[in-house]
Amino acid sequence: MLTDSPCIRNCCLDGEDICLGCFRHIDEIVAWSSYSKQDKHHVAELCQKRRESREAKPEST
C-alpha cells in the first residue's frame, strides 16, 4: 500500500487546484502527512482516476 508521497516534484496547480504532477488536490497535498495508510491509498486511487480522466480529454488549442 502506498504510504510515500506521490509527489514527483512537478508541482503546478490547474484551475481546480489539482496538481498536474501527482494529480492530488491542494487539500490532499496539505493534509498528506496526517492521513492514515488507508486514506493515502484512497487518495492514490483518486489521483489515478484524475490522471486517466485528464489523459482521455482532447487538448484545447
Protein backbone atom coordinates (compact mmCIF):
# COMPACT_ATOMS: atom_id res chain seq x y z
CA MET A 1 0.00 0.00 0.00
CA LEU A 2 1.29 3.44 -0.92
CA THR A 3 2.40 5.49 2.06
CA ASP A 4 5.07 7.68 0.47
CA SER A 5 4.02 10.95 -1.07
CA PRO A 6 3.16 10.59 -4.76
CA CYS A 7 4.82 13.95 -5.42
CA ILE A 8 7.08 13.90 -8.48
CA ARG A 9 8.39 17.46 -7.96
CA ASN A 10 6.43 18.77 -10.94
CA CYS A 11 4.11 20.99 -8.95
CA CYS A 12 1.68 23.14 -10.90
CA LEU A 13 -1.98 23.53 -10.00
CA ASP A 14 -4.72 23.69 -12.60
CA GLY A 15 -7.87 25.81 -12.30
CA GLU A 16 -9.44 23.22 -9.99
CA ASP A 17 -6.42 23.18 -7.63
CA ILE A 18 -5.29 19.75 -8.87
CA CYS A 19 -1.54 19.26 -9.19
CA LEU A 20 -0.56 18.42 -12.76
CA GLY A 21 2.36 16.34 -11.47
CA CYS A 22 0.77 13.99 -8.94
CA PHE A 23 -2.94 14.77 -9.50
CA ARG A 24 -3.67 15.44 -5.83
CA HIS A 25 -5.97 18.30 -4.85
CA ILE A 26 -4.24 21.06 -2.87
CA ASP A 27 -6.14 19.98 0.26
CA GLU A 28 -4.86 16.42 -0.16
CA ILE A 29 -1.30 17.69 -0.57
CA VAL A 30 -1.50 19.81 2.58
CA ALA A 31 -3.10 17.03 4.66
CA TRP A 32 -1.00 14.13 3.30
CA SER A 33 1.22 13.72 6.37
CA SER A 34 -1.81 13.45 8.67
CA TYR A 35 -3.59 10.79 6.58
CA SER A 36 -3.79 7.17 7.64
CA LYS A 37 -2.42 4.49 5.31
CA GLN A 38 -6.00 3.78 4.23
CA ASP A 39 -6.61 7.48 3.46
CA LYS A 40 -3.37 7.66 1.45
CA HIS A 41 -4.37 4.60 -0.54
CA HIS A 42 -7.77 6.17 -1.27
CA VAL A 43 -6.17 9.43 -2.40
CA ALA A 44 -3.76 7.48 -4.63
CA GLU A 45 -6.76 5.81 -6.29
CA LEU A 46 -8.39 9.21 -6.82
CA CYS A 47 -5.16 10.52 -8.35
CA GLN A 48 -5.06 7.62 -10.80
CA LYS A 49 -8.65 8.32 -11.86
CA ARG A 50 -7.86 12.02 -12.28
CA ARG A 51 -4.78 11.20 -14.38
CA GLU A 52 -6.79 8.84 -16.61
CA SER A 53 -9.55 11.42 -16.98
CA ARG A 54 -7.04 14.14 -17.93
CA GLU A 55 -5.34 11.88 -20.47
CA ALA A 56 -8.69 10.98 -22.05
CA LYS A 57 -9.59 14.63 -22.68
CA PRO A 58 -8.54 16.13 -26.00
CA GLU A 59 -6.19 19.06 -25.58
CA SER A 60 -7.57 22.52 -26.31
CA THR A 61 -5.67 24.59 -28.85
